[in-house]
Amino acid sequence: MQHKGFRIISIILYGSLSLLCFFDATNALVPQPQVKVKAQRNINNNHHQPTNQIKETSASSLSRRDALLKYAFLLTPIITSTSVLQPTPPANALEACRPNAHNCIRTTWTAPSSVTSSSEAANTIRDVLNSYPQKGQAGVDCNGWKIVKDELGAEAGSSSSSNTIKLEYKSCVGPAALAINLGQPFIDDLKLELGKDDANGSITVEVKSSSRMGSGDLFVNRKRLIYLGGMLKEKGWDVPNPKYAYEN
């Protein structure tokens, strides 16, 4: 959240500076009244004949072209700095964890070759998720969990839905929750997305388990994924050991 706040403040300051420079450039572009310089008498040293010359100069030293060139870079849309410089993730792809995060795990589960349809894989995932105890396990998720959004089931690669499922898990209320969260449980997010491995056509599930608050999680996300992954292993799925972002 702090990074987003700094970005918003930077955009506001940059926008204000751009507007000020825009008005400055606009004033430079407005035609100014021309001032005629009084005739100057030039004396010819040889013949002493007077000549009158009228010189006209612009009140502004900047031409229109100079003004535009001077301020053009400030008039570039701000969106360039926030979208073009950052690669856009593929549609429906789960976002990555923050670099070196100690409270976020990103991994991939792969279905066995006997699972050939997304609907079959989706049913297996739902069964495993629903088997997770509402009172938690291994000292984590004591205050229950719920499915926030379920769009699993479309054939892998289909655009009919995002093919994802999102869940919320509530932590036990320990000393940390009492000290910094007013005695309320912490909330973790679990996001799963069905897809296909382009190399061998296997059905995959992209997984992201993360905490909303703090910089650590006392290994809660790992314990959750070990439990869920263990049940999938029993069904023949390939489930790697869950690693935090800082461990990769």
Protein backbone atom coordinates (compact mmCIF):
# COMPACT_ATOMS: atom_id res chain seq x y z
CA MET A 1 0.00 0.00 0.00
CA GLN A 2 2.91 2.38 0.71
CA HIS A 3 4.24 1.96 -2.84
CA LYS A 4 0.79 2.78 -4.27
CA GLY A 5 0.58 5.89 -2.06
CA PHE A 6 3.96 7.16 -3.23
CA ARG A 7 2.98 6.53 -6.86
CA ILE A 8 -0.28 8.49 -6.48
CA ILE A 9 1.54 11.44 -4.85
CA SER A 10 4.19 11.40 -7.60
CA ILE A 11 1.54 11.42 -10.32
CA ILE A 12 -0.28 14.38 -8.67
CA LEU A 13 2.94 16.39 -8.35
CA TYR A 14 4.00 15.55 -11.89
CA GLY A 15 0.57 16.50 -13.25
CA SER A 16 0.66 19.85 -11.43
CA LEU A 17 4.11 20.63 -12.82
CA SER A 18 2.98 19.70 -16.32
CA LEU A 19 -0.04 22.04 -16.10
CA LEU A 20 2.10 24.96 -14.91
CA CYS A 21 4.57 24.43 -17.74
CA PHE A 22 1.69 24.06 -20.21
CA PHE A 23 0.31 27.49 -19.26
CA ASP A 24 3.80 28.93 -19.46
CA ALA A 25 4.21 27.51 -22.95
CA THR A 26 0.74 28.77 -23.92
CA ASN A 27 1.67 32.31 -22.94
CA ALA A 28 4.78 32.02 -25.07
CA LEU A 29 2.65 30.98 -28.05
CA VAL A 30 0.22 33.92 -27.81
CA PRO A 31 1.11 36.57 -30.41
CA GLN A 32 2.56 39.62 -28.68
CA PRO A 33 2.24 43.19 -29.90
CA GLN A 34 5.21 44.15 -31.99
CA VAL A 35 7.33 47.12 -31.09
CA LYS A 36 8.82 49.27 -33.75
CA VAL A 37 12.26 50.52 -33.09
CA LYS A 38 12.72 54.17 -33.86
CA ALA A 39 14.59 54.99 -36.98
CA GLN A 40 18.28 55.29 -36.46
CA ARG A 41 20.30 57.68 -38.51
CA ASN A 42 23.44 56.11 -39.88
CA ILE A 43 26.11 58.44 -40.99
CA ASN A 44 28.15 57.43 -43.96
CA ASN A 45 31.73 58.34 -43.18
CA ASN A 46 32.55 58.96 -46.83
CA HIS A 47 29.51 60.81 -48.23
CA HIS A 48 27.68 61.87 -45.00
CA GLN A 49 24.36 60.80 -46.46
CA PRO A 50 21.61 59.93 -43.82
CA THR A 51 19.65 56.68 -44.19
CA ASN A 52 16.55 55.62 -42.25
CA GLN A 53 16.11 51.95 -41.36
CA ILE A 54 13.09 50.48 -39.61
CA LYS A 55 13.79 47.39 -37.52
CA GLU A 56 10.99 45.29 -36.14
CA THR A 57 11.56 42.79 -33.31
CA SER A 58 9.19 40.46 -31.55
CA ALA A 59 8.44 41.11 -27.91
CA SER A 60 9.01 37.41 -27.18
CA SER A 61 12.40 35.80 -27.75
CA LEU A 62 10.80 32.34 -28.09
CA SER A 63 9.27 31.32 -31.40
CA ARG A 64 6.25 29.00 -31.40
CA ARG A 65 8.42 26.13 -32.50
CA ASP A 66 10.94 26.77 -29.72
CA ALA A 67 8.19 26.87 -27.09
CA LEU A 68 6.68 23.60 -28.26
CA LEU A 69 10.03 21.85 -28.29
CA LYS A 70 10.87 23.19 -24.86
CA TYR A 71 7.73 21.85 -23.19
CA ALA A 72 6.76 18.91 -25.40
CA PHE A 73 8.28 16.30 -23.10
CA LEU A 74 6.21 17.60 -20.17
CA LEU A 75 2.99 17.23 -22.13
CA THR A 76 3.53 13.50 -22.70
CA PRO A 77 0.69 11.56 -21.01
CA ILE A 78 1.57 10.43 -17.51
CA ILE A 79 0.23 6.96 -18.28
CA THR A 80 3.38 6.33 -20.30
CA SER A 81 5.46 6.18 -17.15
CA THR A 82 3.12 3.78 -15.38
CA SER A 83 2.09 1.35 -18.12
CA VAL A 84 4.65 1.31 -20.90
CA LEU A 85 7.62 0.87 -18.58
CA GLN A 86 5.96 -2.02 -16.77
CA PRO A 87 5.21 -5.24 -18.67
CA THR A 88 1.54 -6.18 -18.73
CA PRO A 89 0.89 -9.69 -17.40
CA PRO A 90 -1.01 -12.15 -19.64
CA ALA A 91 -4.80 -12.17 -19.32
CA ASN A 92 -6.03 -14.14 -16.27
CA ALA A 93 -2.47 -14.87 -15.13
CA LEU A 94 -1.97 -14.77 -11.37
CA GLU A 95 0.28 -11.93 -10.31
CA ALA A 96 3.71 -12.73 -8.91
CA CYS A 97 4.73 -12.28 -5.28
CA ARG A 98 6.71 -9.21 -4.32
CA PRO A 99 10.45 -9.82 -4.70
CA ASN A 100 11.94 -11.43 -1.58
CA ALA A 101 8.55 -11.55 0.16
CA HIS A 102 8.44 -13.61 3.37
CA ASN A 103 4.65 -13.94 3.39
CA CYS A 104 3.82 -15.00 -0.16
CA ILE A 105 4.20 -18.29 -2.06
CA ARG A 106 3.77 -18.77 -5.81
CA THR A 107 3.86 -22.31 -7.20
CA THR A 108 2.33 -24.68 -9.78
CA TRP A 109 0.46 -27.95 -9.32
CA THR A 110 0.29 -30.36 -12.27
CA ALA A 111 -2.46 -32.92 -12.80
CA PRO A 112 -1.57 -36.53 -13.72
CA SER A 113 -1.86 -37.57 -17.37
CA SER A 114 -5.05 -39.47 -16.51
CA VAL A 115 -6.80 -36.11 -15.95
CA THR A 116 -7.69 -34.89 -19.44
CA SER A 117 -10.35 -32.22 -18.91
CA SER A 118 -10.49 -28.97 -16.99
CA SER A 119 -13.84 -29.87 -15.47
CA GLU A 120 -12.34 -33.03 -13.95
CA ALA A 121 -9.40 -31.08 -12.57
CA ALA A 122 -11.74 -28.40 -11.23
CA ASN A 123 -13.81 -30.98 -9.36
CA THR A 124 -10.67 -32.44 -7.78
CA ILE A 125 -9.49 -28.99 -6.69
CA ARG A 126 -12.88 -28.17 -5.17
CA ASP A 127 -12.96 -31.47 -3.28
CA VAL A 128 -9.52 -30.80 -1.81
CA LEU A 129 -10.33 -27.20 -0.87
CA ASN A 130 -13.62 -28.17 0.74
CA SER A 131 -11.91 -30.85 2.81
CA TYR A 132 -9.79 -28.23 4.59
CA PRO A 133 -10.93 -28.03 8.25
CA GLN A 134 -12.97 -24.94 9.12
CA LYS A 135 -11.13 -24.75 12.43
CA GLY A 136 -7.77 -24.93 10.72
CA GLN A 137 -4.88 -27.37 11.16
CA ALA A 138 -1.30 -27.35 12.47
CA GLY A 139 -2.11 -24.25 14.53
CA VAL A 140 -3.13 -22.08 11.55
CA ASP A 141 -6.41 -20.75 10.10
CA CYS A 142 -8.27 -21.22 13.42
CA ASN A 143 -11.01 -18.75 12.49
CA GLY A 144 -12.20 -20.48 9.34
CA TRP A 145 -12.15 -19.88 5.62
CA LYS A 146 -14.56 -19.11 2.79
CA ILE A 147 -14.72 -19.18 -1.00
CA VAL A 148 -14.93 -15.62 -2.27
CA LYS A 149 -15.29 -16.32 -5.99
CA ASP A 150 -15.47 -19.57 -7.94
CA GLU A 151 -15.09 -19.58 -11.72
CA LEU A 152 -13.44 -22.96 -12.16
CA GLY A 153 -14.65 -25.39 -14.79
CA ALA A 154 -14.19 -23.91 -18.26
CA GLU A 155 -11.95 -25.81 -20.62
CA ALA A 156 -8.32 -24.74 -20.25
CA GLY A 157 -7.57 -21.89 -22.60
CA SER A 158 -11.23 -20.90 -22.90
CA SER A 159 -12.13 -17.21 -22.58
CA SER A 160 -15.60 -17.90 -21.16
CA SER A 161 -14.35 -17.32 -17.61
CA SER A 162 -11.18 -16.53 -15.72
CA ASN A 163 -10.96 -20.19 -14.63
CA THR A 164 -9.98 -19.14 -11.13
CA ILE A 165 -11.09 -19.68 -7.55
CA LYS A 166 -10.35 -17.28 -4.70
CA LEU A 167 -10.53 -18.01 -0.97
CA GLU A 168 -9.95 -16.16 2.29
CA TYR A 169 -8.46 -17.73 5.41
CA LYS A 170 -8.61 -16.20 8.89
CA SER A 171 -5.75 -16.72 11.28
CA CYS A 172 -5.72 -17.70 14.92
CA VAL A 173 -5.67 -14.74 17.33
CA GLY A 174 -2.24 -14.81 18.92
CA PRO A 175 0.08 -12.18 20.41
CA ALA A 176 0.72 -10.56 17.00
CA ALA A 177 -2.99 -10.14 16.25
CA LEU A 178 -3.58 -8.75 19.75
CA ALA A 179 -0.70 -6.32 19.46
CA ILE A 180 -1.08 -4.90 15.96
CA ASN A 181 -4.51 -5.95 14.66
CA LEU A 182 -6.77 -4.98 17.58
CA GLY A 183 -7.34 -8.62 18.45
CA GLN A 184 -8.80 -9.42 15.03
CA PRO A 185 -7.57 -12.38 12.95
CA PHE A 186 -5.25 -11.74 10.03
CA ILE A 187 -6.60 -12.56 6.57
CA ASP A 188 -4.72 -14.54 3.94
CA ASP A 189 -5.68 -14.93 0.28
CA LEU A 190 -5.45 -18.12 -1.76
CA LYS A 191 -5.88 -17.88 -5.54
CA LEU A 192 -5.87 -20.82 -7.94
CA GLU A 193 -6.05 -20.73 -11.73
CA LEU A 194 -6.53 -23.65 -14.12
CA GLY A 195 -4.47 -23.75 -17.27
CA LYS A 196 -2.45 -25.96 -19.58
CA ASP A 197 1.24 -26.59 -19.97
CA ASP A 198 2.06 -25.55 -23.54
CA ALA A 199 4.97 -27.99 -23.70
CA ASN A 200 3.15 -31.26 -22.93
CA GLY A 201 -0.52 -30.33 -22.71
CA SER A 202 -0.82 -31.27 -19.02
CA ILE A 203 -3.47 -29.51 -16.98
CA THR A 204 -1.90 -27.19 -14.42
CA VAL A 205 -3.05 -25.10 -11.49
CA GLU A 206 -1.23 -21.85 -10.78
CA VAL A 207 -1.21 -21.15 -7.05
CA LYS A 208 -0.67 -18.02 -4.99
CA SER A 209 -1.04 -17.93 -1.21
CA SER A 210 -0.29 -14.62 0.50
CA SER A 211 -0.89 -12.55 3.62
CA ARG A 212 -2.51 -9.12 3.43
CA MET A 213 -0.64 -7.60 6.38
CA GLY A 214 2.88 -7.62 7.70
CA SER A 215 6.19 -8.70 6.27
CA GLY A 216 6.12 -12.27 7.64
CA ASP A 217 3.52 -14.93 8.32
CA LEU A 218 5.09 -17.42 10.77
CA PHE A 219 4.98 -19.97 7.90
CA VAL A 220 1.19 -20.01 7.82
CA ASN A 221 0.96 -19.94 4.01
CA ARG A 222 3.42 -22.81 3.74
CA LYS A 223 1.52 -24.97 6.24
CA ARG A 224 -1.72 -24.37 4.33
CA LEU A 225 -0.24 -25.35 0.97
CA ILE A 226 1.50 -28.39 2.43
CA TYR A 227 -1.87 -29.64 3.69
CA LEU A 228 -3.69 -29.01 0.41
CA GLY A 229 -0.80 -30.23 -1.73
CA GLY A 230 -0.50 -33.40 0.32
CA MET A 231 -4.07 -34.35 -0.55
CA LEU A 232 -3.40 -33.74 -4.23
CA LYS A 233 -0.27 -35.89 -4.11
CA GLU A 234 -2.39 -38.76 -2.88
CA LYS A 235 -4.40 -38.38 -6.09
CA GLY A 236 -1.30 -38.54 -8.28
CA TRP A 237 -0.71 -34.81 -8.78
CA ASP A 238 2.78 -33.35 -9.04
CA VAL A 239 3.10 -30.85 -6.18
CA PRO A 240 6.48 -29.20 -5.51
CA ASN A 241 7.54 -28.13 -2.05
CA PRO A 242 6.05 -24.67 -1.41
CA LYS A 243 8.73 -21.97 -1.23
CA TYR A 244 8.43 -18.34 -0.27
CA ALA A 245 9.50 -15.67 -2.75
CA TYR A 246 12.70 -14.97 -0.81
CA GLU A 247 13.69 -18.66 -1.13
CA ASN A 248 13.57 -18.73 -4.93
